[in-house]
Amino acid sequence: MPDATRNASTILRAFGEAQAELVGKTVVLTDGKAGTVEHVWLDDIHGLRISVRGHNGKWPVSTIKFVEKDTP
């Protein structure tokens, strides 16, 4: 497999894992906004971004301060 194809596949796999991990989870952002993650985007300028239900805008995933933990 060519390097470019392998790299693209790695990025897409990691993006899918991030979506599965974050969508539907309750988060608190560093600016104090809190809510449930609705969508995850891969932005070519900013990297991974999220939207939080009830708040307009998209935030870098790096602004997440707390992510709801799964309970058994």
PDB file of N, CA and C in Angstrom:
ATOM      1  N   MET A   1       0.851  -1.170   0.000  1.00  0.00           N
ATOM      2  CA  MET A   1       0.000   0.000   0.000  1.00  0.00           C
ATOM      3  C   MET A   1       0.903   1.242   0.000  1.00  0.00           C
ATOM      4  N   PRO A   2       0.659   2.193  -0.902  1.00  0.00           N
ATOM      5  CA  PRO A   2       1.480   3.406  -0.919  1.00  0.00           C
ATOM      6  C   PRO A   2       1.376   4.174   0.402  1.00  0.00           C
ATOM      7  N   ASP A   3       2.447   4.914   0.735  1.00  0.00           N
ATOM      8  CA  ASP A   3       2.476   5.655   1.997  1.00  0.00           C
ATOM      9  C   ASP A   3       1.296   6.605   2.146  1.00  0.00           C
ATOM     10  N   ALA A   4       0.933   7.331   1.084  1.00  0.00           N
ATOM     11  CA  ALA A   4      -0.172   8.297   1.170  1.00  0.00           C
ATOM     12  C   ALA A   4      -1.480   7.591   1.512  1.00  0.00           C
ATOM     13  N   THR A   5      -1.729   6.457   0.913  1.00  0.00           N
ATOM     14  CA  THR A   5      -2.946   5.702   1.185  1.00  0.00           C
ATOM     15  C   THR A   5      -2.952   5.181   2.611  1.00  0.00           C
ATOM     16  N   ARG A   6      -1.819   4.689   3.062  1.00  0.00           N
ATOM     17  CA  ARG A   6      -1.705   4.178   4.432  1.00  0.00           C
ATOM     18  C   ARG A   6      -1.918   5.319   5.424  1.00  0.00           C
ATOM     19  N   ASN A   7      -1.322   6.477   5.170  1.00  0.00           N
ATOM     20  CA  ASN A   7      -1.479   7.625   6.066  1.00  0.00           C
ATOM     21  C   ASN A   7      -2.938   8.081   6.108  1.00  0.00           C
ATOM     22  N   ALA A   8      -3.586   8.149   4.949  1.00  0.00           N
ATOM     23  CA  ALA A   8      -4.998   8.552   4.891  1.00  0.00           C
ATOM     24  C   ALA A   8      -5.865   7.561   5.654  1.00  0.00           C
ATOM     25  N   SER A   9      -5.597   6.283   5.500  1.00  0.00           N
ATOM     26  CA  SER A   9      -6.366   5.258   6.210  1.00  0.00           C
ATOM     27  C   SER A   9      -6.187   5.379   7.719  1.00  0.00           C
ATOM     28  N   THR A  10      -4.970   5.683   8.148  1.00  0.00           N
ATOM     29  CA  THR A  10      -4.690   5.855   9.575  1.00  0.00           C
ATOM     30  C   THR A  10      -5.457   7.050  10.133  1.00  0.00           C
ATOM     31  N   ILE A  11      -5.472   8.154   9.395  1.00  0.00           N
ATOM     32  CA  ILE A  11      -6.192   9.354   9.828  1.00  0.00           C
ATOM     33  C   ILE A  11      -7.681   9.073   9.921  1.00  0.00           C
ATOM     34  N   LEU A  12      -8.247   8.439   8.908  1.00  0.00           N
ATOM     35  CA  LEU A  12      -9.679   8.153   8.905  1.00  0.00           C
ATOM     36  C   LEU A  12     -10.073   7.182  10.012  1.00  0.00           C
ATOM     37  N   ARG A  13      -9.226   6.204  10.291  1.00  0.00           N
ATOM     38  CA  ARG A  13      -9.497   5.252  11.369  1.00  0.00           C
ATOM     39  C   ARG A  13      -9.497   5.979  12.715  1.00  0.00           C
ATOM     40  N   ALA A  14      -8.505   6.854  12.936  1.00  0.00           N
ATOM     41  CA  ALA A  14      -8.429   7.611  14.185  1.00  0.00           C
ATOM     42  C   ALA A  14      -9.618   8.562  14.318  1.00  0.00           C
ATOM     43  N   PHE A  15     -10.048   9.160  13.205  1.00  0.00           N
ATOM     44  CA  PHE A  15     -11.217  10.041  13.223  1.00  0.00           C
ATOM     45  C   PHE A  15     -12.464   9.265  13.629  1.00  0.00           C
ATOM     46  N   GLY A  16     -12.649   8.093  13.067  1.00  0.00           N
ATOM     47  CA  GLY A  16     -13.791   7.244  13.417  1.00  0.00           C
ATOM     48  C   GLY A  16     -13.783   6.859  14.884  1.00  0.00           C
ATOM     49  N   GLU A  17     -12.607   6.564  15.421  1.00  0.00           N
ATOM     50  CA  GLU A  17     -12.483   6.222  16.840  1.00  0.00           C
ATOM     51  C   GLU A  17     -12.832   7.421  17.715  1.00  0.00           C
ATOM     52  N   ALA A  18     -12.382   8.615  17.319  1.00  0.00           N
ATOM     53  CA  ALA A  18     -12.688   9.834  18.076  1.00  0.00           C
ATOM     54  C   ALA A  18     -14.187  10.101  18.065  1.00  0.00           C
ATOM     55  N   GLN A  19     -14.832   9.922  16.912  1.00  0.00           N
ATOM     56  CA  GLN A  19     -16.285  10.098  16.831  1.00  0.00           C
ATOM     57  C   GLN A  19     -16.994   9.144  17.778  1.00  0.00           C
ATOM     58  N   ALA A  20     -16.623   7.883  17.720  1.00  0.00           N
ATOM     59  CA  ALA A  20     -17.268   6.876  18.565  1.00  0.00           C
ATOM     60  C   ALA A  20     -17.063   7.179  20.045  1.00  0.00           C
ATOM     61  N   GLU A  21     -15.902   7.715  20.385  1.00  0.00           N
ATOM     62  CA  GLU A  21     -15.581   8.010  21.775  1.00  0.00           C
ATOM     63  C   GLU A  21     -16.291   9.262  22.292  1.00  0.00           C
ATOM     64  N   LEU A  22     -16.520  10.257  21.418  1.00  0.00           N
ATOM     65  CA  LEU A  22     -17.019  11.546  21.882  1.00  0.00           C
ATOM     66  C   LEU A  22     -18.505  11.810  21.649  1.00  0.00           C
ATOM     67  N   VAL A  23     -19.051  11.393  20.510  1.00  0.00           N
ATOM     68  CA  VAL A  23     -20.449  11.720  20.196  1.00  0.00           C
ATOM     69  C   VAL A  23     -21.363  11.087  21.240  1.00  0.00           C
ATOM     70  N   GLY A  24     -22.230  11.925  21.811  1.00  0.00           N
ATOM     71  CA  GLY A  24     -23.156  11.464  22.840  1.00  0.00           C
ATOM     72  C   GLY A  24     -22.636  11.596  24.259  1.00  0.00           C
ATOM     73  N   LYS A  25     -21.365  11.930  24.424  1.00  0.00           N
ATOM     74  CA  LYS A  25     -20.791  12.090  25.764  1.00  0.00           C
ATOM     75  C   LYS A  25     -21.025  13.503  26.267  1.00  0.00           C
ATOM     76  N   THR A  26     -21.195  13.636  27.564  1.00  0.00           N
ATOM     77  CA  THR A  26     -21.290  14.935  28.196  1.00  0.00           C
ATOM     78  C   THR A  26     -19.877  15.456  28.416  1.00  0.00           C
ATOM     79  N   VAL A  27     -19.658  16.713  28.030  1.00  0.00           N
ATOM     80  CA  VAL A  27     -18.338  17.319  28.176  1.00  0.00           C
ATOM     81  C   VAL A  27     -18.467  18.688  28.827  1.00  0.00           C
ATOM     82  N   VAL A  28     -17.377  19.128  29.435  1.00  0.00           N
ATOM     83  CA  VAL A  28     -17.241  20.490  29.925  1.00  0.00           C
ATOM     84  C   VAL A  28     -16.026  21.061  29.211  1.00  0.00           C
ATOM     85  N   LEU A  29     -16.210  22.241  28.606  1.00  0.00           N
ATOM     86  CA  LEU A  29     -15.126  22.904  27.895  1.00  0.00           C
ATOM     87  C   LEU A  29     -14.383  23.852  28.836  1.00  0.00           C
ATOM     88  N   THR A  30     -13.189  24.241  28.456  1.00  0.00           N
ATOM     89  CA  THR A  30     -12.379  25.116  29.306  1.00  0.00           C
ATOM     90  C   THR A  30     -13.031  26.471  29.540  1.00  0.00           C
ATOM     91  N   ASP A  31     -13.954  26.896  28.657  1.00  0.00           N
ATOM     92  CA  ASP A  31     -14.627  28.185  28.856  1.00  0.00           C
ATOM     93  C   ASP A  31     -15.893  28.046  29.705  1.00  0.00           C
ATOM     94  N   GLY A  32     -16.154  26.846  30.247  1.00  0.00           N
ATOM     95  CA  GLY A  32     -17.282  26.624  31.133  1.00  0.00           C
ATOM     96  C   GLY A  32     -18.537  26.096  30.463  1.00  0.00           C
ATOM     97  N   LYS A  33     -18.577  26.081  29.136  1.00  0.00           N
ATOM     98  CA  LYS A  33     -19.748  25.528  28.445  1.00  0.00           C
ATOM     99  C   LYS A  33     -19.790  24.025  28.708  1.00  0.00           C
ATOM    100  N   ALA A  34     -21.002  23.513  28.841  1.00  0.00           N
ATOM    101  CA  ALA A  34     -21.160  22.083  29.083  1.00  0.00           C
ATOM    102  C   ALA A  34     -22.332  21.578  28.272  1.00  0.00           C
ATOM    103  N   GLY A  35     -22.273  20.324  27.903  1.00  0.00           N
ATOM    104  CA  GLY A  35     -23.354  19.702  27.166  1.00  0.00           C
ATOM    105  C   GLY A  35     -22.895  18.407  26.528  1.00  0.00           C
ATOM    106  N   THR A  36     -23.721  17.915  25.634  1.00  0.00           N
ATOM    107  CA  THR A  36     -23.458  16.652  24.962  1.00  0.00           C
ATOM    108  C   THR A  36     -22.856  16.920  23.586  1.00  0.00           C
ATOM    109  N   VAL A  37     -21.821  16.197  23.238  1.00  0.00           N
ATOM    110  CA  VAL A  37     -21.201  16.343  21.925  1.00  0.00           C
ATOM    111  C   VAL A  37     -22.174  15.834  20.863  1.00  0.00           C
ATOM    112  N   GLU A  38     -22.473  16.694  19.877  1.00  0.00           N
ATOM    113  CA  GLU A  38     -23.378  16.318  18.791  1.00  0.00           C
ATOM    114  C   GLU A  38     -22.625  15.822  17.565  1.00  0.00           C
ATOM    115  N   HIS A  39     -21.572  16.535  17.184  1.00  0.00           N
ATOM    116  CA  HIS A  39     -20.838  16.205  15.965  1.00  0.00           C
ATOM    117  C   HIS A  39     -19.345  16.377  16.189  1.00  0.00           C
ATOM    118  N   VAL A  40     -18.579  15.661  15.391  1.00  0.00           N
ATOM    119  CA  VAL A  40     -17.125  15.794  15.375  1.00  0.00           C
ATOM    120  C   VAL A  40     -16.723  16.050  13.931  1.00  0.00           C
ATOM    121  N   TRP A  41     -15.855  17.044  13.714  1.00  0.00           N
ATOM    122  CA  TRP A  41     -15.365  17.374  12.371  1.00  0.00           C
ATOM    123  C   TRP A  41     -13.857  17.283  12.347  1.00  0.00           C
ATOM    124  N   LEU A  42     -13.334  16.995  11.170  1.00  0.00           N
ATOM    125  CA  LEU A  42     -11.901  17.060  10.935  1.00  0.00           C
ATOM    126  C   LEU A  42     -11.672  18.290  10.072  1.00  0.00           C
ATOM    127  N   ASP A  43     -11.060  19.309  10.651  1.00  0.00           N
ATOM    128  CA  ASP A  43     -10.842  20.591  10.017  1.00  0.00           C
ATOM    129  C   ASP A  43      -9.378  20.669   9.585  1.00  0.00           C
ATOM    130  N   ASP A  44      -9.139  20.979   8.323  1.00  0.00           N
ATOM    131  CA  ASP A  44      -7.763  20.977   7.823  1.00  0.00           C
ATOM    132  C   ASP A  44      -6.899  22.081   8.424  1.00  0.00           C
ATOM    133  N   ILE A  45      -7.508  23.077   9.036  1.00  0.00           N
ATOM    134  CA  ILE A  45      -6.748  24.158   9.662  1.00  0.00           C
ATOM    135  C   ILE A  45      -6.628  23.952  11.169  1.00  0.00           C
ATOM    136  N   HIS A  46      -7.729  23.580  11.812  1.00  0.00           N
ATOM    137  CA  HIS A  46      -7.764  23.511  13.271  1.00  0.00           C
ATOM    138  C   HIS A  46      -7.675  22.101  13.837  1.00  0.00           C
ATOM    139  N   GLY A  47      -7.760  21.091  13.009  1.00  0.00           N
ATOM    140  CA  GLY A  47      -7.730  19.717  13.495  1.00  0.00           C
ATOM    141  C   GLY A  47      -9.105  19.227  13.877  1.00  0.00           C
ATOM    142  N   LEU A  48      -9.197  18.460  14.924  1.00  0.00           N
ATOM    143  CA  LEU A  48     -10.458  17.878  15.368  1.00  0.00           C
ATOM    144  C   LEU A  48     -11.277  18.929  16.109  1.00  0.00           C
ATOM    145  N   ARG A  49     -12.546  19.100  15.689  1.00  0.00           N
ATOM    146  CA  ARG A  49     -13.440  20.075  16.303  1.00  0.00           C
ATOM    147  C   ARG A  49     -14.740  19.387  16.679  1.00  0.00           C
ATOM    148  N   ILE A  50     -15.414  19.916  17.702  1.00  0.00           N
ATOM    149  CA  ILE A  50     -16.674  19.345  18.168  1.00  0.00           C
ATOM    150  C   ILE A  50     -17.745  20.426  18.230  1.00  0.00           C
ATOM    151  N   SER A  51     -19.001  19.993  18.166  1.00  0.00           N
ATOM    152  CA  SER A  51     -20.117  20.884  18.487  1.00  0.00           C
ATOM    153  C   SER A  51     -20.805  20.301  19.713  1.00  0.00           C
ATOM    154  N   VAL A  52     -21.316  21.211  20.555  1.00  0.00           N
ATOM    155  CA  VAL A  52     -21.962  20.813  21.797  1.00  0.00           C
ATOM    156  C   VAL A  52     -23.423  21.233  21.724  1.00  0.00           C
ATOM    157  N   ARG A  53     -24.318  20.289  21.978  1.00  0.00           N
ATOM    158  CA  ARG A  53     -25.765  20.548  21.932  1.00  0.00           C
ATOM    159  C   ARG A  53     -26.106  21.735  22.838  1.00  0.00           C
ATOM    160  N   GLY A  54     -26.875  22.674  22.276  1.00  0.00           N
ATOM    161  CA  GLY A  54     -27.316  23.832  23.044  1.00  0.00           C
ATOM    162  C   GLY A  54     -26.390  25.032  22.969  1.00  0.00           C
ATOM    163  N   HIS A  55     -25.252  24.888  22.289  1.00  0.00           N
ATOM    164  CA  HIS A  55     -24.299  25.992  22.157  1.00  0.00           C
ATOM    165  C   HIS A  55     -23.925  26.138  20.684  1.00  0.00           C
ATOM    166  N   ASN A  56     -24.027  27.354  20.161  1.00  0.00           N
ATOM    167  CA  ASN A  56     -23.640  27.594  18.774  1.00  0.00           C
ATOM    168  C   ASN A  56     -22.126  27.624  18.651  1.00  0.00           C
ATOM    169  N   GLY A  57     -21.618  27.017  17.598  1.00  0.00           N
ATOM    170  CA  GLY A  57     -20.186  27.056  17.330  1.00  0.00           C
ATOM    171  C   GLY A  57     -19.556  25.684  17.305  1.00  0.00           C
ATOM    172  N   LYS A  58     -18.285  25.697  16.940  1.00  0.00           N
ATOM    173  CA  LYS A  58     -17.461  24.486  16.921  1.00  0.00           C
ATOM    174  C   LYS A  58     -16.202  24.801  17.709  1.00  0.00           C
ATOM    175  N   TRP A  59     -15.765  23.867  18.541  1.00  0.00           N
ATOM    176  CA  TRP A  59     -14.597  24.080  19.373  1.00  0.00           C
ATOM    177  C   TRP A  59     -13.542  23.024  19.085  1.00  0.00           C
ATOM    178  N   PRO A  60     -12.267  23.418  19.216  1.00  0.00           N
ATOM    179  CA  PRO A  60     -11.206  22.417  19.100  1.00  0.00           C
ATOM    180  C   PRO A  60     -11.366  21.378  20.195  1.00  0.00           C
ATOM    181  N   VAL A  61     -11.079  20.145  19.870  1.00  0.00           N
ATOM    182  CA  VAL A  61     -11.218  19.071  20.853  1.00  0.00           C
ATOM    183  C   VAL A  61     -10.285  19.321  22.042  1.00  0.00           C
ATOM    184  N   SER A  62      -9.243  20.106  21.839  1.00  0.00           N
ATOM    185  CA  SER A  62      -8.304  20.402  22.924  1.00  0.00           C
ATOM    186  C   SER A  62      -8.932  21.247  24.030  1.00  0.00           C
ATOM    187  N   THR A  63     -10.123  21.842  23.789  1.00  0.00           N
ATOM    188  CA  THR A  63     -10.768  22.652  24.823  1.00  0.00           C
ATOM    189  C   THR A  63     -11.630  21.822  25.763  1.00  0.00           C
ATOM    190  N   ILE A  64     -11.693  20.512  25.547  1.00  0.00           N
ATOM    191  CA  ILE A  64     -12.453  19.655  26.464  1.00  0.00           C
ATOM    192  C   ILE A  64     -11.681  19.526  27.764  1.00  0.00           C
ATOM    193  N   LYS A  65     -12.369  19.874  28.848  1.00  0.00           N
ATOM    194  CA  LYS A  65     -11.761  19.791  30.178  1.00  0.00           C
ATOM    195  C   LYS A  65     -12.167  18.491  30.869  1.00  0.00           C
ATOM    196  N   PHE A  66     -13.383  18.030  30.590  1.00  0.00           N
ATOM    197  CA  PHE A  66     -13.910  16.832  31.238  1.00  0.00           C
ATOM    198  C   PHE A  66     -14.781  16.077  30.245  1.00  0.00           C
ATOM    199  N   VAL A  67     -14.626  14.756  30.191  1.00  0.00           N
ATOM    200  CA  VAL A  67     -15.470  13.896  29.373  1.00  0.00           C
ATOM    201  C   VAL A  67     -16.147  12.892  30.298  1.00  0.00           C
ATOM    202  N   GLU A  68     -17.469  12.753  30.131  1.00  0.00           N
ATOM    203  CA  GLU A  68     -18.234  11.787  30.909  1.00  0.00           C
ATOM    204  C   GLU A  68     -17.602  10.407  30.780  1.00  0.00           C
ATOM    205  N   LYS A  69     -17.444   9.728  31.885  1.00  0.00           N
ATOM    206  CA  LYS A  69     -16.882   8.373  31.863  1.00  0.00           C
ATOM    207  C   LYS A  69     -17.996   7.358  31.667  1.00  0.00           C
ATOM    208  N   ASP A  70     -17.690   6.282  30.936  1.00  0.00           N
ATOM    209  CA  ASP A  70     -18.652   5.188  30.776  1.00  0.00           C
ATOM    210  C   ASP A  70     -18.847   4.495  32.110  1.00  0.00           C
ATOM    211  N   THR A  71     -20.075   4.131  32.391  1.00  0.00           N
ATOM    212  CA  THR A  71     -20.343   3.374  33.615  1.00  0.00           C
ATOM    213  C   THR A  71     -20.704   1.942  33.233  1.00  0.00           C
ATOM    214  N   PRO A  72     -20.198   0.981  33.981  1.00  0.00           N
ATOM    215  CA  PRO A  72     -20.445  -0.426  33.640  1.00  0.00           C
ATOM    216  C   PRO A  72     -21.873  -0.835  33.869  1.00  0.00           C
TER     217      PRO A  72
END
